[in-house]
Amino acid sequence: MYSSIFGGITTDPSAMVIPLDDHMVHRGHGVFDTAAIMDGHLYELEQHIDRFLNSAQMAKIPLPFDRSTIRSVLIQTVCASKCPQGSLRYWLSVGPGDFQLSSSGCRNPALYAVVIESPSLPEPSGCKVITSSIPVKSPQFAVMKNVNYLPNALTKLEGNFSCPASTRS
């Protein structure tokens, strides 16, 4: 796990924290992306970083480092984890600062990364389809990997209530 706020990588999950005054926590001003780890290697990292940086630009979040440093940090985080199969999820926030609506009090953007081990990919077994009552995202936010996944979480919750546990994927 990596935090630019604390300046390094840790393999202790209890040491990975995000300050409550980080605007990603209390204002949702952050973006993220996820890359697969297969056989200890990151899959299509360059494309994921491209999308991540594009999302950051759309969300008006300055970068804490240049692209090559971000790439290096992500690779080093995966190496430190020794994870053979799983995913690397990483976030960029305008950073900690205050509890105001505006991010003008945030002085340093923050990069966070975590490796999530997953023993293997699930076997495809199909899925049930429902019609959700949750409205779709606006087009502007549908193309940006932002941290507001509340509509997704509510849709998944609604689907779980609609389908017996044995049919969920």
Protein backbone atom coordinates (compact mmCIF):
# COMPACT_ATOMS: atom_id res chain seq x y z
CA MET A 1 0.00 0.00 0.00
CA TYR A 2 1.23 3.46 -0.87
CA SER A 3 0.40 6.94 0.40
CA SER A 4 2.03 10.13 -0.84
CA ILE A 5 0.82 11.82 2.37
CA PHE A 6 2.97 9.49 4.46
CA GLY A 7 5.64 9.22 1.79
CA GLY A 8 6.00 5.54 1.17
CA ILE A 9 4.89 1.95 0.82
CA THR A 10 3.72 -0.28 3.66
CA THR A 11 2.64 -3.90 3.71
CA ASP A 12 0.79 -3.43 7.02
CA PRO A 13 -2.93 -2.91 6.23
CA SER A 14 -3.51 -1.19 9.59
CA ALA A 15 -1.02 1.52 8.60
CA MET A 16 -2.93 2.47 5.45
CA VAL A 17 -5.12 5.40 6.42
CA ILE A 18 -6.58 8.43 4.69
CA PRO A 19 -6.95 11.67 6.67
CA LEU A 20 -10.58 12.62 7.30
CA ASP A 21 -9.90 16.14 6.02
CA ASP A 22 -8.88 14.72 2.64
CA HIS A 23 -11.43 16.12 0.21
CA MET A 24 -11.79 12.69 -1.41
CA VAL A 25 -13.28 11.47 1.90
CA HIS A 26 -15.75 14.24 2.72
CA ARG A 27 -16.34 15.90 -0.67
CA GLY A 28 -15.78 13.08 -3.15
CA HIS A 29 -13.14 15.13 -4.97
CA GLY A 30 -11.03 12.28 -6.24
CA VAL A 31 -10.54 9.85 -9.09
CA PHE A 32 -9.33 6.28 -9.24
CA ASP A 33 -8.45 3.43 -11.54
CA THR A 34 -7.77 -0.27 -11.25
CA ALA A 35 -5.28 -2.50 -13.06
CA ALA A 36 -5.24 -6.29 -12.99
CA ILE A 37 -2.27 -8.22 -11.60
CA MET A 38 -1.73 -11.52 -13.40
CA ASP A 39 1.16 -13.82 -12.56
CA GLY A 40 2.78 -10.94 -10.66
CA HIS A 41 2.61 -8.55 -13.63
CA LEU A 42 0.44 -5.47 -14.13
CA TYR A 43 -1.88 -5.84 -17.11
CA GLU A 44 -2.26 -2.86 -19.50
CA LEU A 45 -0.88 -0.39 -16.96
CA GLU A 46 -0.16 2.30 -19.57
CA GLN A 47 -3.80 2.43 -20.72
CA HIS A 48 -5.00 2.57 -17.12
CA ILE A 49 -2.61 5.41 -16.30
CA ASP A 50 -3.80 7.29 -19.41
CA ARG A 51 -7.42 7.01 -18.23
CA PHE A 52 -6.40 7.92 -14.66
CA LEU A 53 -4.60 11.09 -15.77
CA ASN A 54 -7.48 12.03 -18.08
CA SER A 55 -9.94 11.60 -15.18
CA ALA A 56 -7.68 13.76 -12.97
CA GLN A 57 -7.62 16.50 -15.59
CA MET A 58 -11.43 16.41 -15.96
CA ALA A 59 -11.80 16.56 -12.15
CA LYS A 60 -9.32 19.45 -11.99
CA ILE A 61 -6.96 17.59 -9.67
CA PRO A 62 -3.28 18.54 -10.01
CA LEU A 63 -0.76 15.71 -10.07
CA PRO A 64 1.56 15.21 -7.09
CA PHE A 65 4.19 13.71 -9.43
CA ASP A 66 4.84 13.38 -13.13
CA ARG A 67 3.54 10.36 -15.06
CA SER A 68 6.78 8.37 -14.86
CA THR A 69 6.96 8.78 -11.08
CA ILE A 70 3.32 7.70 -10.68
CA ARG A 71 4.03 4.66 -12.87
CA SER A 72 7.13 3.81 -10.83
CA VAL A 73 5.26 4.13 -7.51
CA LEU A 74 2.49 1.83 -8.76
CA ILE A 75 4.96 -0.81 -9.97
CA GLN A 76 6.96 -0.62 -6.72
CA THR A 77 3.76 -1.01 -4.69
CA VAL A 78 2.84 -4.20 -6.56
CA CYS A 79 6.40 -5.54 -6.20
CA ALA A 80 6.40 -4.87 -2.43
CA SER A 81 3.10 -6.72 -2.05
CA LYS A 82 4.43 -9.90 -3.68
CA CYS A 83 0.88 -10.45 -4.95
CA PRO A 84 0.72 -12.93 -7.86
CA GLN A 85 -3.00 -12.49 -8.70
CA GLY A 86 -5.30 -9.61 -7.92
CA SER A 87 -5.68 -5.95 -8.67
CA LEU A 88 -3.99 -2.64 -8.04
CA ARG A 89 -6.43 0.14 -7.17
CA TYR A 90 -5.14 3.69 -6.97
CA TRP A 91 -6.68 7.05 -6.18
CA LEU A 92 -5.78 10.68 -6.72
CA SER A 93 -7.29 13.29 -4.45
CA VAL A 94 -7.01 17.06 -4.19
CA GLY A 95 -5.68 16.11 -0.77
CA PRO A 96 -6.20 17.00 2.85
CA GLY A 97 -6.74 20.58 3.90
CA ASP A 98 -9.98 21.51 5.58
CA PHE A 99 -13.67 20.67 5.67
CA GLN A 100 -14.82 23.42 3.30
CA LEU A 101 -16.62 22.80 0.02
CA SER A 102 -13.86 24.41 -2.05
CA SER A 103 -10.55 22.62 -2.47
CA SER A 104 -8.66 25.92 -2.23
CA GLY A 105 -7.44 24.94 1.26
CA CYS A 106 -5.84 21.76 -0.07
CA ARG A 107 -2.14 22.36 -0.63
CA ASN A 108 -0.89 18.95 -1.79
CA PRO A 109 -2.74 16.45 -3.96
CA ALA A 110 -2.55 12.89 -2.65
CA LEU A 111 -1.87 9.59 -4.40
CA TYR A 112 -2.95 6.38 -2.69
CA ALA A 113 -2.57 2.81 -3.95
CA VAL A 114 -3.56 -0.57 -2.57
CA VAL A 115 -3.02 -4.12 -3.81
CA ILE A 116 -6.02 -6.41 -3.46
CA GLU A 117 -5.11 -10.08 -3.63
CA SER A 118 -7.57 -12.33 -5.43
CA PRO A 119 -6.58 -16.00 -5.75
CA SER A 120 -8.04 -16.42 -9.21
CA LEU A 121 -10.55 -14.96 -11.59
CA PRO A 122 -14.08 -16.30 -11.11
CA GLU A 123 -15.38 -18.71 -13.69
CA PRO A 124 -17.95 -17.03 -15.93
CA SER A 125 -21.36 -18.41 -15.02
CA GLY A 126 -23.74 -15.85 -16.43
CA CYS A 127 -25.79 -13.35 -14.52
CA LYS A 128 -29.32 -12.28 -13.76
CA VAL A 129 -30.51 -8.95 -15.15
CA ILE A 130 -32.79 -6.53 -13.35
CA THR A 131 -34.10 -3.06 -14.10
CA SER A 132 -32.92 -0.68 -11.40
CA SER A 133 -34.77 2.29 -10.00
CA ILE A 134 -31.45 4.15 -9.56
CA PRO A 135 -30.99 6.89 -12.20
CA VAL A 136 -28.04 6.61 -14.58
CA LYS A 137 -25.04 8.91 -14.18
CA SER A 138 -24.87 12.07 -16.25
CA PRO A 139 -22.68 11.70 -19.37
CA GLN A 140 -19.94 13.92 -17.92
CA PHE A 141 -19.47 11.66 -14.90
CA ALA A 142 -20.07 8.39 -16.75
CA VAL A 143 -16.74 8.74 -18.60
CA MET A 144 -14.71 9.87 -15.57
CA LYS A 145 -13.46 7.28 -13.06
CA ASN A 146 -14.47 9.37 -10.04
CA VAL A 147 -14.96 8.18 -6.48
CA ASN A 148 -18.72 8.74 -6.47
CA TYR A 149 -19.81 5.14 -6.86
CA LEU A 150 -22.89 5.55 -4.69
CA PRO A 151 -25.25 4.95 -7.66
CA ASN A 152 -23.30 1.77 -8.48
CA ALA A 153 -23.40 0.59 -4.85
CA LEU A 154 -27.14 1.25 -4.59
CA THR A 155 -27.79 -0.54 -7.89
CA LYS A 156 -25.79 -3.57 -6.70
CA LEU A 157 -27.65 -3.55 -3.38
CA GLU A 158 -30.98 -3.39 -5.21
CA GLY A 159 -29.89 -6.29 -7.43
CA ASN A 160 -28.86 -8.34 -4.40
CA PHE A 161 -32.32 -7.89 -2.88
CA SER A 162 -33.96 -8.86 -6.19
CA CYS A 163 -31.98 -12.07 -6.72
CA PRO A 164 -31.48 -14.99 -4.33
CA ALA A 165 -27.89 -15.34 -3.08
CA SER A 166 -27.36 -18.49 -5.14
CA THR A 167 -27.88 -16.56 -8.39
CA ARG A 168 -25.67 -13.53 -7.63
CA SER A 169 -22.35 -12.99 -9.35
